[in-house]
C-alpha atoms as a PDB file:
ATOM      1  CA  MET A   1     -24.864  -5.214   3.749  1.00  0.00           C
ATOM      2  CA  PRO A   2     -21.744  -5.136   5.987  1.00  0.00           C
ATOM      3  CA  SER A   3     -18.507  -6.362   4.460  1.00  0.00           C
ATOM      4  CA  LEU A   4     -15.833  -8.156   6.523  1.00  0.00           C
ATOM      5  CA  LEU A   5     -12.344  -9.419   5.772  1.00  0.00           C
ATOM      6  CA  ILE A   6     -11.145 -12.338   7.898  1.00  0.00           C
ATOM      7  CA  ALA A   7      -7.346 -12.295   7.968  1.00  0.00           C
ATOM      8  CA  ASP A   8      -5.887 -15.417   9.533  1.00  0.00           C
ATOM      9  CA  ASP A   9      -3.692 -18.228   8.257  1.00  0.00           C
ATOM     10  CA  HIS A  10      -5.521 -21.006  10.156  1.00  0.00           C
ATOM     11  CA  PRO A  11      -8.494 -22.354   8.128  1.00  0.00           C
ATOM     12  CA  LEU A  12     -10.315 -23.703  11.189  1.00  0.00           C
ATOM     13  CA  PHE A  13     -10.163 -20.374  12.981  1.00  0.00           C
ATOM     14  CA  ARG A  14     -11.291 -18.568   9.829  1.00  0.00           C
ATOM     15  CA  ALA A  15     -14.284 -20.914   9.762  1.00  0.00           C
ATOM     16  CA  ALA A  16     -15.149 -20.017  13.366  1.00  0.00           C
ATOM     17  CA  LEU A  17     -14.911 -16.309  12.563  1.00  0.00           C
ATOM     18  CA  ARG A  18     -17.073 -16.816   9.470  1.00  0.00           C
ATOM     19  CA  GLN A  19     -19.775 -18.457  11.539  1.00  0.00           C
ATOM     20  CA  ALA A  20     -19.600 -15.753  14.212  1.00  0.00           C
ATOM     21  CA  ALA A  21     -19.912 -13.018  11.579  1.00  0.00           C
ATOM     22  CA  ARG A  22     -22.955 -14.667  10.004  1.00  0.00           C
ATOM     23  CA  ASP A  23     -24.555 -15.227  13.422  1.00  0.00           C
ATOM     24  CA  ALA A  24     -23.913 -11.611  14.418  1.00  0.00           C
ATOM     25  CA  LEU A  25     -24.985  -9.902  11.215  1.00  0.00           C
ATOM     26  CA  GLY A  26     -27.103 -12.271   9.148  1.00  0.00           C
ATOM     27  CA  ASP A  27     -26.501 -11.004   5.622  1.00  0.00           C
ATOM     28  CA  VAL A  28     -22.812 -10.199   5.391  1.00  0.00           C
ATOM     29  CA  GLN A  29     -20.246 -10.127   2.600  1.00  0.00           C
ATOM     30  CA  LEU A  30     -17.153 -12.080   3.626  1.00  0.00           C
ATOM     31  CA  PHE A  31     -13.619 -12.111   2.264  1.00  0.00           C
ATOM     32  CA  GLU A  32     -10.685 -14.174   3.548  1.00  0.00           C
ATOM     33  CA  ALA A  33      -6.921 -13.848   3.428  1.00  0.00           C
ATOM     34  CA  GLY A  34      -4.122 -15.976   4.825  1.00  0.00           C
ATOM     35  CA  ALA A  35      -1.238 -13.477   4.575  1.00  0.00           C
ATOM     36  CA  LEU A  36      -0.779  -9.748   5.041  1.00  0.00           C
ATOM     37  CA  GLU A  37       0.048  -9.185   1.361  1.00  0.00           C
ATOM     38  CA  GLN A  38      -3.332 -10.710   0.449  1.00  0.00           C
ATOM     39  CA  VAL A  39      -5.066  -8.524   3.035  1.00  0.00           C
ATOM     40  CA  LEU A  40      -3.673  -5.316   1.542  1.00  0.00           C
ATOM     41  CA  ALA A  41      -4.442  -6.456  -2.015  1.00  0.00           C
ATOM     42  CA  LEU A  42      -8.038  -7.323  -1.081  1.00  0.00           C
ATOM     43  CA  LEU A  43      -8.587  -4.013   0.657  1.00  0.00           C
ATOM     44  CA  ASP A  44      -7.290  -2.230  -2.418  1.00  0.00           C
ATOM     45  CA  ALA A  45      -9.606  -4.246  -4.700  1.00  0.00           C
ATOM     46  CA  GLN A  46     -12.638  -4.193  -2.367  1.00  0.00           C
ATOM     47  CA  PRO A  47     -12.998  -0.640  -1.002  1.00  0.00           C
ATOM     48  CA  GLN A  48     -16.403  -1.501   0.472  1.00  0.00           C
ATOM     49  CA  VAL A  49     -14.848  -3.591   3.282  1.00  0.00           C
ATOM     50  CA  ASP A  50     -15.988  -2.204   6.646  1.00  0.00           C
ATOM     51  CA  LEU A  51     -14.048  -4.350   9.095  1.00  0.00           C
ATOM     52  CA  VAL A  52     -10.919  -6.498   9.190  1.00  0.00           C
ATOM     53  CA  LEU A  53     -10.434  -9.264  11.756  1.00  0.00           C
ATOM     54  CA  LEU A  54      -6.625  -9.297  11.803  1.00  0.00           C
ATOM     55  CA  ASP A  55      -4.380 -12.022  13.193  1.00  0.00           C
ATOM     56  CA  LEU A  56      -1.272 -10.428  14.712  1.00  0.00           C
ATOM     57  CA  HIS A  57       1.022 -13.234  13.571  1.00  0.00           C
ATOM     58  CA  MET A  58      -0.140 -14.309  10.128  1.00  0.00           C
ATOM     59  CA  PRO A  59       2.493 -14.629   7.354  1.00  0.00           C
ATOM     60  CA  GLY A  60       3.905 -11.225   6.439  1.00  0.00           C
ATOM     61  CA  ASN A  61       2.712  -9.685   9.698  1.00  0.00           C
ATOM     62  CA  HIS A  62       4.964  -9.562  12.733  1.00  0.00           C
ATOM     63  CA  GLY A  63       3.021  -7.910  15.495  1.00  0.00           C
ATOM     64  CA  LEU A  64       1.555  -4.464  15.035  1.00  0.00           C
ATOM     65  CA  ALA A  65       3.139  -3.683  11.650  1.00  0.00           C
ATOM     66  CA  GLY A  66       0.147  -5.073   9.734  1.00  0.00           C
ATOM     67  CA  LEU A  67      -2.245  -3.020  11.839  1.00  0.00           C
ATOM     68  CA  ALA A  68      -0.180   0.096  11.154  1.00  0.00           C
ATOM     69  CA  ALA A  69      -0.128  -0.700   7.424  1.00  0.00           C
ATOM     70  CA  ILE A  70      -3.916  -1.043   7.240  1.00  0.00           C
ATOM     71  CA  ARG A  71      -4.547   2.099   9.279  1.00  0.00           C
ATOM     72  CA  ALA A  72      -2.110   4.088   7.112  1.00  0.00           C
ATOM     73  CA  GLN A  73      -3.293   2.823   3.729  1.00  0.00           C
ATOM     74  CA  PHE A  74      -7.005   2.301   4.435  1.00  0.00           C
ATOM     75  CA  PRO A  75      -7.920   4.650   7.291  1.00  0.00           C
ATOM     76  CA  GLY A  76     -11.654   4.181   6.762  1.00  0.00           C
ATOM     77  CA  VAL A  77     -11.511   0.463   7.587  1.00  0.00           C
ATOM     78  CA  ALA A  78     -11.997  -0.640  11.200  1.00  0.00           C
ATOM     79  CA  VAL A  79      -9.705  -3.344  12.572  1.00  0.00           C
ATOM     80  CA  ILE A  80     -10.255  -5.877  15.330  1.00  0.00           C
ATOM     81  CA  VAL A  81      -6.958  -7.472  16.300  1.00  0.00           C
ATOM     82  CA  VAL A  82      -7.240 -11.229  16.877  1.00  0.00           C
ATOM     83  CA  SER A  83      -4.438 -12.854  18.863  1.00  0.00           C
ATOM     84  CA  ALA A  84      -3.485 -15.580  21.305  1.00  0.00           C
ATOM     85  CA  ASN A  85      -1.560 -12.872  23.164  1.00  0.00           C
ATOM     86  CA  ASP A  86      -3.738 -11.368  25.896  1.00  0.00           C
ATOM     87  CA  ASP A  87      -1.018  -9.348  27.636  1.00  0.00           C
ATOM     88  CA  PRO A  88      -2.729  -6.054  28.656  1.00  0.00           C
ATOM     89  CA  ARG A  89       0.345  -4.100  27.528  1.00  0.00           C
ATOM     90  CA  VAL A  90       0.081  -5.592  24.032  1.00  0.00           C
ATOM     91  CA  VAL A  91      -3.650  -4.835  23.946  1.00  0.00           C
ATOM     92  CA  ARG A  92      -2.924  -1.252  25.012  1.00  0.00           C
ATOM     93  CA  ARG A  93      -0.347  -0.908  22.221  1.00  0.00           C
ATOM     94  CA  ALA A  94      -2.800  -2.251  19.644  1.00  0.00           C
ATOM     95  CA  LEU A  95      -5.406   0.306  20.690  1.00  0.00           C
ATOM     96  CA  ASP A  96      -2.803   3.087  20.607  1.00  0.00           C
ATOM     97  CA  HIS A  97      -1.950   2.110  17.026  1.00  0.00           C
ATOM     98  CA  GLY A  98      -5.540   2.328  15.862  1.00  0.00           C
ATOM     99  CA  ALA A  99      -7.268  -0.987  16.605  1.00  0.00           C
ATOM    100  CA  ALA A 100     -11.001  -0.626  17.248  1.00  0.00           C
ATOM    101  CA  GLY A 101     -11.097  -3.866  19.233  1.00  0.00           C
ATOM    102  CA  TYR A 102      -8.996  -6.718  20.539  1.00  0.00           C
ATOM    103  CA  LEU A 103     -10.180 -10.309  20.532  1.00  0.00           C
ATOM    104  CA  PRO A 104      -8.249 -13.147  22.213  1.00  0.00           C
ATOM    105  CA  LYS A 105      -8.330 -16.405  20.282  1.00  0.00           C
ATOM    106  CA  SER A 106      -9.677 -18.054  23.430  1.00  0.00           C
ATOM    107  CA  ALA A 107     -12.877 -15.970  23.176  1.00  0.00           C
ATOM    108  CA  GLY A 108     -16.191 -17.758  22.879  1.00  0.00           C
ATOM    109  CA  LEU A 109     -18.720 -17.288  20.102  1.00  0.00           C
ATOM    110  CA  ASP A 110     -20.775 -14.841  22.159  1.00  0.00           C
ATOM    111  CA  GLU A 111     -17.746 -12.569  22.532  1.00  0.00           C
ATOM    112  CA  LEU A 112     -16.922 -12.919  18.827  1.00  0.00           C
ATOM    113  CA  ARG A 113     -20.425 -11.817  17.884  1.00  0.00           C
ATOM    114  CA  ASP A 114     -20.419  -8.978  20.436  1.00  0.00           C
ATOM    115  CA  ALA A 115     -17.064  -7.686  19.188  1.00  0.00           C
ATOM    116  CA  ILE A 116     -18.191  -7.613  15.553  1.00  0.00           C
ATOM    117  CA  ARG A 117     -21.490  -5.879  16.328  1.00  0.00           C
ATOM    118  CA  SER A 118     -19.865  -3.318  18.644  1.00  0.00           C
ATOM    119  CA  VAL A 119     -17.086  -2.277  16.285  1.00  0.00           C
ATOM    120  CA  LEU A 120     -19.459  -1.990  13.315  1.00  0.00           C
ATOM    121  CA  ALA A 121     -21.525   0.307  15.560  1.00  0.00           C
ATOM    122  CA  CYS A 122     -18.388   2.510  15.849  1.00  0.00           C
ATOM    123  CA  GLU A 123     -17.619   1.412  19.410  1.00  0.00           C
ATOM    124  CA  THR A 124     -14.328   0.190  20.852  1.00  0.00           C
ATOM    125  CA  TRP A 125     -14.530  -3.395  22.094  1.00  0.00           C
ATOM    126  CA  LEU A 126     -12.498  -5.398  24.589  1.00  0.00           C
ATOM    127  CA  PRO A 127     -13.399  -8.698  26.256  1.00  0.00           C
ATOM    128  CA  PRO A 128     -14.848  -8.132  29.746  1.00  0.00           C
ATOM    129  CA  ALA A 129     -12.019 -10.150  31.356  1.00  0.00           C
ATOM    130  CA  LEU A 130      -9.407  -7.726  29.989  1.00  0.00           C
ATOM    131  CA  ARG A 131     -11.125  -4.348  30.350  1.00  0.00           C
ATOM    132  CA  ALA A 132      -9.926  -3.542  33.867  1.00  0.00           C
ATOM    133  CA  SER A 133      -6.319  -4.614  33.296  1.00  0.00           C
ATOM    134  CA  VAL A 134      -6.085  -2.792  29.959  1.00  0.00           C
ATOM    135  CA  SER A 135      -7.513   0.390  31.476  1.00  0.00           C
ATOM    136  CA  ARG A 136      -4.729   0.230  34.088  1.00  0.00           C
ATOM    137  CA  ALA A 137      -2.041  -0.333  31.461  1.00  0.00           C
ATOM    138  CA  GLN A 138      -0.397   2.965  30.652  1.00  0.00           C
ATOM    139  CA  SER A 139       0.291   3.938  27.067  1.00  0.00           C
ATOM    140  CA  ALA A 140       4.040   4.004  26.514  1.00  0.00           C
ATOM    141  CA  PRO A 141       5.138   7.511  25.461  1.00  0.00           C
ATOM    142  CA  GLN A 142       7.219   6.045  22.633  1.00  0.00           C
ATOM    143  CA  ASP A 143       4.155   4.214  21.284  1.00  0.00           C
ATOM    144  CA  ALA A 144       2.038   7.363  21.166  1.00  0.00           C
ATOM    145  CA  ASP A 145       4.874   9.171  19.417  1.00  0.00           C
ATOM    146  CA  LEU A 146       5.468   6.302  16.976  1.00  0.00           C
ATOM    147  CA  ALA A 147       1.759   6.026  16.144  1.00  0.00           C
ATOM    148  CA  ALA A 148       1.606   9.764  15.446  1.00  0.00           C
ATOM    149  CA  ARG A 149       4.684   9.669  13.212  1.00  0.00           C
ATOM    150  CA  LEU A 150       3.399   6.717  11.212  1.00  0.00           C
ATOM    151  CA  ALA A 151      -0.033   8.332  10.906  1.00  0.00           C
ATOM    152  CA  SER A 152       1.638  11.362   9.315  1.00  0.00           C
ATOM    153  CA  LEU A 153       2.707   9.252   6.314  1.00  0.00           C
ATOM    154  CA  SER A 154       0.591   9.061   3.199  1.00  0.00           C
ATOM    155  CA  PRO A 155      -0.550   5.585   2.073  1.00  0.00           C
ATOM    156  CA  GLN A 156       2.099   5.501  -0.660  1.00  0.00           C
ATOM    157  CA  GLN A 157       4.810   6.669   1.734  1.00  0.00           C
ATOM    158  CA  PHE A 158       3.921   3.845   4.108  1.00  0.00           C
ATOM    159  CA  ARG A 159       4.184   1.348   1.230  1.00  0.00           C
ATOM    160  CA  VAL A 160       7.657   2.702   0.432  1.00  0.00           C
ATOM    161  CA  LEU A 161       8.655   2.465   4.106  1.00  0.00           C
ATOM    162  CA  ALA A 162       7.483  -1.150   4.317  1.00  0.00           C
ATOM    163  CA  LEU A 163       9.513  -2.076   1.209  1.00  0.00           C
ATOM    164  CA  VAL A 164      12.573  -0.310   2.596  1.00  0.00           C
ATOM    165  CA  ALA A 165      12.173  -2.393   5.767  1.00  0.00           C
ATOM    166  CA  GLU A 166      12.147  -5.514   3.554  1.00  0.00           C
ATOM    167  CA  GLY A 167      15.568  -4.467   2.239  1.00  0.00           C
ATOM    168  CA  LEU A 168      14.545  -3.416  -1.289  1.00  0.00           C
ATOM    169  CA  LEU A 169      16.591  -0.838  -3.165  1.00  0.00           C
ATOM    170  CA  ASN A 170      15.066   2.270  -4.740  1.00  0.00           C
ATOM    171  CA  LYS A 171      14.897   0.743  -8.217  1.00  0.00           C
ATOM    172  CA  GLN A 172      13.250  -2.410  -6.850  1.00  0.00           C
ATOM    173  CA  ILE A 173      10.709  -0.315  -4.952  1.00  0.00           C
ATOM    174  CA  ALA A 174       9.997   1.724  -8.074  1.00  0.00           C
ATOM    175  CA  ASP A 175       9.407  -1.468 -10.075  1.00  0.00           C
ATOM    176  CA  ARG A 176       7.174  -2.939  -7.351  1.00  0.00           C
ATOM    177  CA  LEU A 177       5.028   0.207  -7.105  1.00  0.00           C
ATOM    178  CA  ASP A 178       5.177   1.015 -10.834  1.00  0.00           C
ATOM    179  CA  VAL A 179       6.553   4.517 -10.280  1.00  0.00           C
ATOM    180  CA  GLN A 180       9.684   6.390 -11.286  1.00  0.00           C
ATOM    181  CA  GLU A 181      12.802   5.976  -9.163  1.00  0.00           C
ATOM    182  CA  ARG A 182      12.881   9.725  -8.559  1.00  0.00           C
ATOM    183  CA  THR A 183       9.389   9.416  -7.069  1.00  0.00           C
ATOM    184  CA  VAL A 184      10.691   6.843  -4.592  1.00  0.00           C
ATOM    185  CA  LYS A 185      13.536   9.195  -3.651  1.00  0.00           C
ATOM    186  CA  ALA A 186      11.054  12.006  -3.062  1.00  0.00           C
ATOM    187  CA  HIS A 187       8.958   9.745  -0.864  1.00  0.00           C
ATOM    188  CA  LEU A 188      12.035   8.731   1.115  1.00  0.00           C
ATOM    189  CA  THR A 189      12.953  12.350   1.742  1.00  0.00           C
ATOM    190  CA  ALA A 190       9.469  12.981   3.131  1.00  0.00           C
ATOM    191  CA  ILE A 191       9.525   9.743   5.148  1.00  0.00           C
ATOM    192  CA  PHE A 192      12.856  10.588   6.786  1.00  0.00           C
ATOM    193  CA  GLU A 193      11.581  14.047   7.695  1.00  0.00           C
ATOM    194  CA  ARG A 194       8.260  12.855   9.122  1.00  0.00           C
ATOM    195  CA  LEU A 195       9.777   9.980  11.081  1.00  0.00           C
ATOM    196  CA  GLY A 196      12.653  12.092  12.357  1.00  0.00           C
ATOM    197  CA  VAL A 197      15.321   9.725  10.982  1.00  0.00           C
ATOM    198  CA  ARG A 198      18.389  10.231   8.814  1.00  0.00           C
ATOM    199  CA  ASN A 199      18.646   7.122   6.677  1.00  0.00           C
ATOM    200  CA  ARG A 200      17.068   3.883   5.467  1.00  0.00           C
ATOM    201  CA  THR A 201      18.425   1.849   8.358  1.00  0.00           C
ATOM    202  CA  GLN A 202      16.865   4.118  10.964  1.00  0.00           C
ATOM    203  CA  ALA A 203      13.580   4.141   9.028  1.00  0.00           C
ATOM    204  CA  SER A 204      13.544   0.344   9.017  1.00  0.00           C
ATOM    205  CA  VAL A 205      14.095   0.283  12.776  1.00  0.00           C
ATOM    206  CA  VAL A 206      10.911   2.322  13.216  1.00  0.00           C
ATOM    207  CA  LEU A 207       8.818  -0.513  11.760  1.00  0.00           C
ATOM    208  CA  ARG A 208      10.741  -3.149  13.699  1.00  0.00           C
ATOM    209  CA  GLU A 209       9.613  -1.449  16.901  1.00  0.00           C
ATOM    210  CA  LEU A 210       6.141  -2.801  16.082  1.00  0.00           C
ATOM    211  CA  GLU A 211       7.235  -6.443  16.076  1.00  0.00           C
ATOM    212  CA  LEU A 212       5.907  -8.762  18.792  1.00  0.00           C
ATOM    213  CA  THR A 213       6.760 -12.296  19.828  1.00  0.00           C
ATOM    214  CA  ASP A 214       4.205 -14.877  18.770  1.00  0.00           C
ATOM    215  CA  PRO A 215       3.314 -16.681  22.026  1.00  0.00           C
ATOM    216  CA  ALA A 216       2.119 -19.781  20.149  1.00  0.00           C
ATOM    217  CA  ARG A 217       5.445 -20.177  18.352  1.00  0.00           C
ATOM    218  CA  HIS A 218       7.341 -19.420  21.535  1.00  0.00           C
ATOM    219  CA  ILE A 219       5.622 -22.367  23.212  1.00  0.00           C
ATOM    220  CA  GLU A 220       6.442 -24.664  20.298  1.00  0.00           C
ATOM    221  CA  THR A 221      10.184 -23.905  20.350  1.00  0.00           C
END
């Protein structure tokens, strides 16, 4: 039985994704999360999850950082990015950072079902209306380089990097991850080397490069 995690902070949209998953797959095990922290905790507790439907702008996730976190910590899990942002350049970036599909929130139920089936069949999926424009969008050299550097981190090193970006000190990170402070320092040394940075500030900037503007919130302001 396939296992899916629906990661979105809007209950009505989660309900639509639930229905699409059941229509597409019949028997399916479903989990839900409304924030990135819950997503990562669920994936850690439920290693059988095959696919995550990930909102780009749910609480705790600011753009592609959540995608990068899932790909680094749970590389065996496929991710379909779900977003109101259908800019081909953003879609291209999501694919470059490991998304197996990209689903605009304006998509109909047929596209939702097709996306889920295709990605579970180990295919990459894009909505027909975006395929031509995304194929013309060039991958930014800095994105390919950033994706490669982040992919070089171990799952625990990525967790340390994310906590550094939140502004936590070494002792706080050690307490959060239940490790020794010297272990955190060792991870930081490896992180700096693999990312090609010299300090915590520069390491934090690396993750901030993955942030995107939420078009829905931009309209509201």
